[in-house]
């Protein structure tokens, strides 16, 4: 099953497909346990298809992936294109400040791990 085919389906169709794939996965595992399954590779294939469906449903719940028909209508506006460099600069500033905080935390953690010298009190 291809992801491009799944993207064209509606949410209701994807939920039905999710339920049927979950049932098929259970049936294949049961047949494999009782040695009635000839081709064991179908278990992995069904699990991967189920994961694709779940991923698409999750993305649609978050609003990240729209059906293929509405992708062309979701072109970015010129105002959003101008705001992109400012957003990248803000993100870069957050990353550098986060790196400074983690390096400071590592330094204090390293200080705590140093063994005590003769005559010094240990930290607890």
N, C-alpha and C. Protein backbone atom coordinates (compact mmCIF):
# COMPACT_ATOMS: atom_id res chain seq x y z
N UNK A 1 0.85 -1.16 0.00
CA UNK A 1 0.00 0.00 0.00
C UNK A 1 0.90 1.23 0.00
N UNK A 2 0.66 2.15 -0.91
CA UNK A 2 1.49 3.33 -1.03
C UNK A 2 0.92 4.47 -0.20
N UNK A 3 1.81 5.30 0.33
CA UNK A 3 1.39 6.44 1.14
C UNK A 3 0.63 7.45 0.28
N UNK A 4 1.00 7.57 -0.98
CA UNK A 4 0.29 8.52 -1.86
C UNK A 4 -1.16 8.10 -2.05
N UNK A 5 -1.42 6.80 -2.10
CA UNK A 5 -2.80 6.32 -2.21
C UNK A 5 -3.57 6.60 -0.92
N UNK A 6 -2.87 6.46 0.20
CA UNK A 6 -3.53 6.68 1.49
C UNK A 6 -3.86 8.15 1.71
N UNK A 7 -3.02 9.05 1.20
CA UNK A 7 -3.26 10.48 1.39
C UNK A 7 -4.53 10.95 0.69
N UNK A 8 -4.95 10.25 -0.33
CA UNK A 8 -6.15 10.63 -1.07
C UNK A 8 -7.43 10.22 -0.36
N UNK A 9 -7.32 9.35 0.64
CA UNK A 9 -8.51 8.85 1.33
C UNK A 9 -8.97 9.82 2.41
N UNK A 10 -10.25 9.72 2.74
CA UNK A 10 -10.81 10.58 3.79
C UNK A 10 -10.46 10.01 5.16
N UNK A 11 -10.71 10.78 6.19
CA UNK A 11 -10.39 10.37 7.56
C UNK A 11 -11.22 9.14 7.95
N UNK A 12 -12.49 9.13 7.54
CA UNK A 12 -13.35 7.98 7.88
C UNK A 12 -12.83 6.71 7.23
N UNK A 13 -12.41 6.82 5.96
CA UNK A 13 -11.86 5.64 5.27
C UNK A 13 -10.58 5.17 5.95
N UNK A 14 -9.76 6.11 6.39
CA UNK A 14 -8.51 5.74 7.05
C UNK A 14 -8.78 5.06 8.39
N UNK A 15 -9.79 5.51 9.10
CA UNK A 15 -10.12 4.87 10.39
C UNK A 15 -10.63 3.44 10.17
N UNK A 16 -11.45 3.25 9.13
CA UNK A 16 -11.92 1.90 8.81
C UNK A 16 -10.75 1.00 8.42
N UNK A 17 -9.84 1.55 7.62
CA UNK A 17 -8.66 0.80 7.19
C UNK A 17 -7.78 0.46 8.39
N UNK A 18 -7.66 1.39 9.33
CA UNK A 18 -6.88 1.15 10.53
C UNK A 18 -7.46 -0.03 11.32
N UNK A 19 -8.76 -0.05 11.47
CA UNK A 19 -9.40 -1.13 12.21
C UNK A 19 -9.20 -2.47 11.51
N UNK A 20 -9.36 -2.48 10.19
CA UNK A 20 -9.21 -3.75 9.46
C UNK A 20 -7.75 -4.22 9.48
N UNK A 21 -6.79 -3.29 9.37
CA UNK A 21 -5.39 -3.70 9.42
C UNK A 21 -5.00 -4.20 10.80
N UNK A 22 -5.54 -3.61 11.84
CA UNK A 22 -5.26 -4.09 13.19
C UNK A 22 -5.81 -5.50 13.37
N UNK A 23 -7.01 -5.75 12.84
CA UNK A 23 -7.61 -7.08 12.91
C UNK A 23 -6.78 -8.08 12.10
N UNK A 24 -6.35 -7.70 10.91
CA UNK A 24 -5.54 -8.59 10.07
C UNK A 24 -4.21 -8.92 10.77
N UNK A 25 -3.61 -7.92 11.39
CA UNK A 25 -2.35 -8.17 12.10
C UNK A 25 -2.55 -9.19 13.21
N UNK A 26 -3.63 -9.05 13.94
CA UNK A 26 -3.94 -10.02 15.00
C UNK A 26 -4.14 -11.41 14.41
N UNK A 27 -4.90 -11.49 13.33
CA UNK A 27 -5.17 -12.79 12.71
C UNK A 27 -3.89 -13.45 12.20
N UNK A 28 -3.02 -12.65 11.58
CA UNK A 28 -1.76 -13.20 11.06
C UNK A 28 -0.87 -13.69 12.19
N UNK A 29 -0.83 -12.96 13.30
CA UNK A 29 -0.02 -13.39 14.42
C UNK A 29 -0.58 -14.68 15.04
N UNK A 30 -1.90 -14.77 15.10
CA UNK A 30 -2.53 -15.98 15.63
C UNK A 30 -2.24 -17.19 14.73
N UNK A 31 -2.37 -16.97 13.42
CA UNK A 31 -2.08 -18.06 12.48
C UNK A 31 -0.61 -18.47 12.55
N UNK A 32 0.28 -17.50 12.73
CA UNK A 32 1.70 -17.81 12.83
C UNK A 32 1.99 -18.62 14.09
N UNK A 33 1.32 -18.28 15.18
CA UNK A 33 1.51 -18.99 16.43
C UNK A 33 1.05 -20.44 16.33
N UNK A 34 -0.01 -20.66 15.56
CA UNK A 34 -0.54 -22.02 15.42
C UNK A 34 0.01 -22.73 14.19
N UNK A 35 1.04 -22.16 13.57
CA UNK A 35 1.72 -22.74 12.40
C UNK A 35 0.79 -22.94 11.21
N UNK A 36 -0.16 -22.03 11.02
CA UNK A 36 -1.05 -22.10 9.86
C UNK A 36 -0.74 -20.99 8.85
N UNK A 37 0.29 -20.19 9.10
CA UNK A 37 0.63 -19.09 8.21
C UNK A 37 1.81 -19.50 7.35
N UNK A 38 1.59 -19.48 6.02
CA UNK A 38 2.64 -19.90 5.10
C UNK A 38 3.69 -18.81 4.90
N UNK A 39 3.24 -17.58 4.68
CA UNK A 39 4.15 -16.47 4.40
C UNK A 39 4.18 -15.53 5.60
N UNK A 40 5.24 -15.63 6.40
CA UNK A 40 5.30 -14.81 7.62
C UNK A 40 5.64 -13.35 7.34
N UNK A 41 6.04 -13.04 6.13
CA UNK A 41 6.38 -11.64 5.83
C UNK A 41 5.14 -10.74 5.79
N UNK A 42 3.95 -11.32 5.69
CA UNK A 42 2.74 -10.50 5.66
C UNK A 42 2.50 -9.81 7.00
N UNK A 43 3.04 -10.38 8.08
CA UNK A 43 2.88 -9.75 9.40
C UNK A 43 3.57 -8.39 9.39
N UNK A 44 4.80 -8.34 8.95
CA UNK A 44 5.55 -7.09 8.91
C UNK A 44 4.96 -6.10 7.93
N UNK A 45 4.51 -6.60 6.78
CA UNK A 45 3.91 -5.71 5.78
C UNK A 45 2.64 -5.07 6.32
N UNK A 46 1.83 -5.87 7.00
CA UNK A 46 0.58 -5.35 7.56
C UNK A 46 0.86 -4.34 8.67
N UNK A 47 1.86 -4.62 9.48
CA UNK A 47 2.22 -3.68 10.55
C UNK A 47 2.71 -2.36 9.98
N UNK A 48 3.49 -2.41 8.90
CA UNK A 48 3.98 -1.17 8.28
C UNK A 48 2.83 -0.38 7.67
N UNK A 49 1.89 -1.08 7.02
CA UNK A 49 0.72 -0.40 6.47
C UNK A 49 -0.11 0.25 7.58
N UNK A 50 -0.26 -0.46 8.67
CA UNK A 50 -0.99 0.08 9.82
C UNK A 50 -0.28 1.32 10.37
N UNK A 51 1.03 1.28 10.43
CA UNK A 51 1.79 2.43 10.91
C UNK A 51 1.62 3.62 9.98
N UNK A 52 1.59 3.38 8.67
CA UNK A 52 1.37 4.47 7.71
C UNK A 52 0.01 5.13 7.94
N UNK A 53 -1.00 4.31 8.13
CA UNK A 53 -2.35 4.84 8.34
C UNK A 53 -2.41 5.64 9.63
N UNK A 54 -1.84 5.12 10.69
CA UNK A 54 -1.85 5.81 11.98
C UNK A 54 -1.09 7.14 11.87
N UNK A 55 0.02 7.13 11.16
CA UNK A 55 0.80 8.35 10.98
C UNK A 55 0.00 9.41 10.23
N UNK A 56 -0.68 9.02 9.17
CA UNK A 56 -1.49 9.97 8.42
C UNK A 56 -2.64 10.51 9.26
N UNK A 57 -3.29 9.66 10.02
CA UNK A 57 -4.38 10.12 10.89
C UNK A 57 -3.86 11.10 11.93
N UNK A 58 -2.71 10.81 12.50
CA UNK A 58 -2.13 11.71 13.50
C UNK A 58 -1.76 13.05 12.88
N UNK A 59 -1.19 13.01 11.69
CA UNK A 59 -0.81 14.26 11.01
C UNK A 59 -2.04 15.10 10.67
N UNK A 60 -3.11 14.44 10.28
CA UNK A 60 -4.32 15.19 9.95
C UNK A 60 -4.96 15.77 11.21
N UNK A 61 -4.85 15.07 12.33
CA UNK A 61 -5.37 15.62 13.59
C UNK A 61 -4.59 16.85 14.00
N UNK A 62 -3.29 16.86 13.71
CA UNK A 62 -2.46 18.01 14.02
C UNK A 62 -2.60 19.11 12.98
N UNK A 63 -3.21 18.80 11.87
CA UNK A 63 -3.39 19.79 10.81
C UNK A 63 -2.19 19.91 9.90
N UNK A 64 -1.29 18.94 9.93
CA UNK A 64 -0.07 19.02 9.14
C UNK A 64 -0.23 18.57 7.71
N UNK A 65 -1.01 17.52 7.47
CA UNK A 65 -1.15 16.98 6.13
C UNK A 65 -2.60 17.06 5.71
N UNK A 66 -2.84 17.72 4.62
CA UNK A 66 -4.19 17.84 4.08
C UNK A 66 -4.35 16.83 2.95
N UNK A 67 -5.58 16.48 2.60
CA UNK A 67 -5.77 15.60 1.46
C UNK A 67 -5.17 16.22 0.20
N UNK A 68 -4.83 15.40 -0.78
CA UNK A 68 -4.12 15.85 -1.97
C UNK A 68 -4.87 16.92 -2.74
N UNK A 69 -6.19 16.93 -2.70
CA UNK A 69 -6.97 17.91 -3.47
C UNK A 69 -6.81 19.32 -2.92
N UNK A 70 -6.59 19.47 -1.63
CA UNK A 70 -6.50 20.81 -1.06
C UNK A 70 -5.07 21.30 -0.90
N UNK A 71 -4.08 20.53 -1.32
CA UNK A 71 -2.69 20.94 -1.19
C UNK A 71 -2.39 22.13 -2.09
N UNK A 72 -2.95 22.15 -3.30
CA UNK A 72 -2.69 23.25 -4.22
C UNK A 72 -3.30 24.55 -3.70
N UNK A 73 -4.39 24.47 -2.99
CA UNK A 73 -5.05 25.67 -2.47
C UNK A 73 -4.31 26.24 -1.27
N UNK A 74 -3.41 25.48 -0.66
CA UNK A 74 -2.72 25.91 0.55
C UNK A 74 -1.36 26.53 0.25
N UNK A 75 -1.21 27.23 -0.85
CA UNK A 75 0.05 27.89 -1.21
C UNK A 75 0.32 29.03 -0.23
N UNK A 76 1.58 29.26 0.13
CA UNK A 76 1.87 30.32 1.10
C UNK A 76 1.61 31.70 0.52
N UNK A 77 1.15 32.60 1.38
CA UNK A 77 0.89 33.97 0.97
C UNK A 77 2.19 34.76 0.96
N UNK A 78 2.28 35.86 0.22
CA UNK A 78 3.52 36.63 0.17
C UNK A 78 3.95 37.16 1.54
N UNK A 79 3.01 37.49 2.42
CA UNK A 79 3.35 37.99 3.75
C UNK A 79 4.07 36.92 4.57
N UNK A 80 3.65 35.67 4.41
CA UNK A 80 4.28 34.59 5.14
C UNK A 80 5.69 34.35 4.64
N UNK A 81 5.93 34.53 3.33
CA UNK A 81 7.26 34.33 2.79
C UNK A 81 8.23 35.36 3.34
N UNK A 82 7.77 36.58 3.58
CA UNK A 82 8.63 37.62 4.13
C UNK A 82 8.92 37.37 5.60
N UNK A 83 8.03 36.71 6.31
CA UNK A 83 8.21 36.45 7.73
C UNK A 83 9.12 35.26 8.00
N UNK A 84 9.41 34.46 6.99
CA UNK A 84 10.21 33.26 7.18
C UNK A 84 11.62 33.55 7.67
N UNK A 85 12.37 34.53 7.12
CA UNK A 85 13.72 34.77 7.64
C UNK A 85 13.72 35.21 9.11
N UNK A 86 12.73 35.99 9.51
CA UNK A 86 12.66 36.41 10.90
C UNK A 86 12.40 35.22 11.82
N UNK A 87 11.58 34.30 11.38
CA UNK A 87 11.29 33.11 12.18
C UNK A 87 12.55 32.24 12.31
N UNK A 88 13.33 32.14 11.24
CA UNK A 88 14.57 31.35 11.30
C UNK A 88 15.56 31.99 12.26
N UNK A 89 15.64 33.31 12.26
CA UNK A 89 16.56 34.00 13.17
C UNK A 89 16.14 33.79 14.62
N UNK A 90 14.84 33.83 14.89
CA UNK A 90 14.35 33.62 16.25
C UNK A 90 14.64 32.19 16.71
N UNK A 91 14.49 31.24 15.81
CA UNK A 91 14.74 29.85 16.14
C UNK A 91 16.23 29.64 16.44
N UNK A 92 17.09 30.28 15.65
CA UNK A 92 18.53 30.16 15.87
C UNK A 92 18.92 30.75 17.22
N UNK A 93 18.28 31.85 17.61
CA UNK A 93 18.58 32.46 18.90
C UNK A 93 18.17 31.53 20.04
N UNK A 94 17.05 30.84 19.89
CA UNK A 94 16.59 29.91 20.93
C UNK A 94 17.57 28.75 21.06
N UNK A 95 18.07 28.26 19.92
CA UNK A 95 18.97 27.12 19.93
C UNK A 95 20.27 27.49 20.63
N UNK A 96 20.82 28.67 20.34
CA UNK A 96 22.08 29.05 20.97
C UNK A 96 21.91 29.28 22.47
N UNK A 97 20.77 29.85 22.90
CA UNK A 97 20.56 30.05 24.32
C UNK A 97 20.36 28.71 25.03
N UNK A 98 19.72 27.77 24.36
CA UNK A 98 19.53 26.44 24.95
C UNK A 98 20.87 25.73 25.07
N UNK A 99 21.76 25.94 24.10
CA UNK A 99 23.07 25.30 24.15
C UNK A 99 23.88 25.86 25.32
N UNK A 100 23.76 27.17 25.58
CA UNK A 100 24.47 27.76 26.70
C UNK A 100 23.97 27.21 28.03
N UNK A 101 22.67 27.01 28.14
CA UNK A 101 22.09 26.48 29.38
C UNK A 101 22.56 25.06 29.61
N UNK A 102 22.57 24.23 28.57
CA UNK A 102 22.98 22.85 28.76
C UNK A 102 24.46 22.74 29.06
N UNK A 103 25.30 23.62 28.45
CA UNK A 103 26.72 23.55 28.75
C UNK A 103 26.99 24.00 30.19
N UNK A 104 26.22 24.97 30.69
CA UNK A 104 26.37 25.39 32.07
C UNK A 104 25.94 24.27 33.02
N UNK A 105 24.88 23.58 32.67
CA UNK A 105 24.40 22.47 33.50
C UNK A 105 25.42 21.34 33.52
N UNK A 106 26.06 21.09 32.37
CA UNK A 106 27.08 20.04 32.33
C UNK A 106 28.28 20.42 33.18
N UNK A 107 28.63 21.69 33.17
CA UNK A 107 29.78 22.13 33.96
C UNK A 107 29.52 21.94 35.45
N UNK A 108 28.31 22.27 35.91
CA UNK A 108 28.01 22.10 37.33
C UNK A 108 27.92 20.62 37.68
N UNK A 109 27.43 19.81 36.77
CA UNK A 109 27.36 18.37 37.03
C UNK A 109 28.76 17.78 37.10
N UNK A 110 29.67 18.28 36.26
CA UNK A 110 31.05 17.78 36.28
C UNK A 110 31.74 18.19 37.58
N UNK A 111 31.44 19.38 38.10
CA UNK A 111 32.02 19.82 39.36
C UNK A 111 31.58 18.92 40.51
N UNK A 112 30.34 18.48 40.47
CA UNK A 112 29.84 17.62 41.54
C UNK A 112 30.47 16.25 41.50
N UNK A 113 30.89 15.79 40.32
CA UNK A 113 31.44 14.45 40.18
C UNK A 113 32.92 14.37 40.54
N UNK A 114 33.60 15.52 40.67
CA UNK A 114 35.03 15.50 40.99
C UNK A 114 35.24 14.88 42.37
N UNK A 115 36.25 14.05 42.48
CA UNK A 115 36.52 13.45 43.81
C UNK A 115 37.07 14.51 44.75
N UNK A 116 36.76 14.35 46.00
CA UNK A 116 37.20 15.31 47.02
C UNK A 116 38.69 15.12 47.27
N UNK A 117 39.38 16.26 47.44
CA UNK A 117 40.82 16.20 47.76
C UNK A 117 40.98 15.97 49.25
N UNK A 118 42.14 15.65 49.62
CA UNK A 118 42.43 15.40 51.03
C UNK A 118 42.16 16.65 51.83
N UNK A 119 41.35 16.55 52.85
CA UNK A 119 41.06 17.67 53.71
C UNK A 119 39.83 18.46 53.29
N UNK A 120 39.21 18.19 52.13
CA UNK A 120 38.02 18.91 51.70
C UNK A 120 36.78 18.12 52.09
N UNK A 121 35.71 18.85 52.32
CA UNK A 121 34.43 18.20 52.64
C UNK A 121 33.79 17.73 51.35
N UNK A 122 33.09 16.61 51.37
CA UNK A 122 32.42 16.10 50.18
C UNK A 122 31.05 16.73 50.04
N UNK A 123 30.61 16.89 48.79
CA UNK A 123 29.29 17.44 48.53
C UNK A 123 28.28 16.30 48.53
N UNK A 124 27.07 16.56 49.02
CA UNK A 124 26.05 15.51 49.01
C UNK A 124 24.80 15.97 48.38
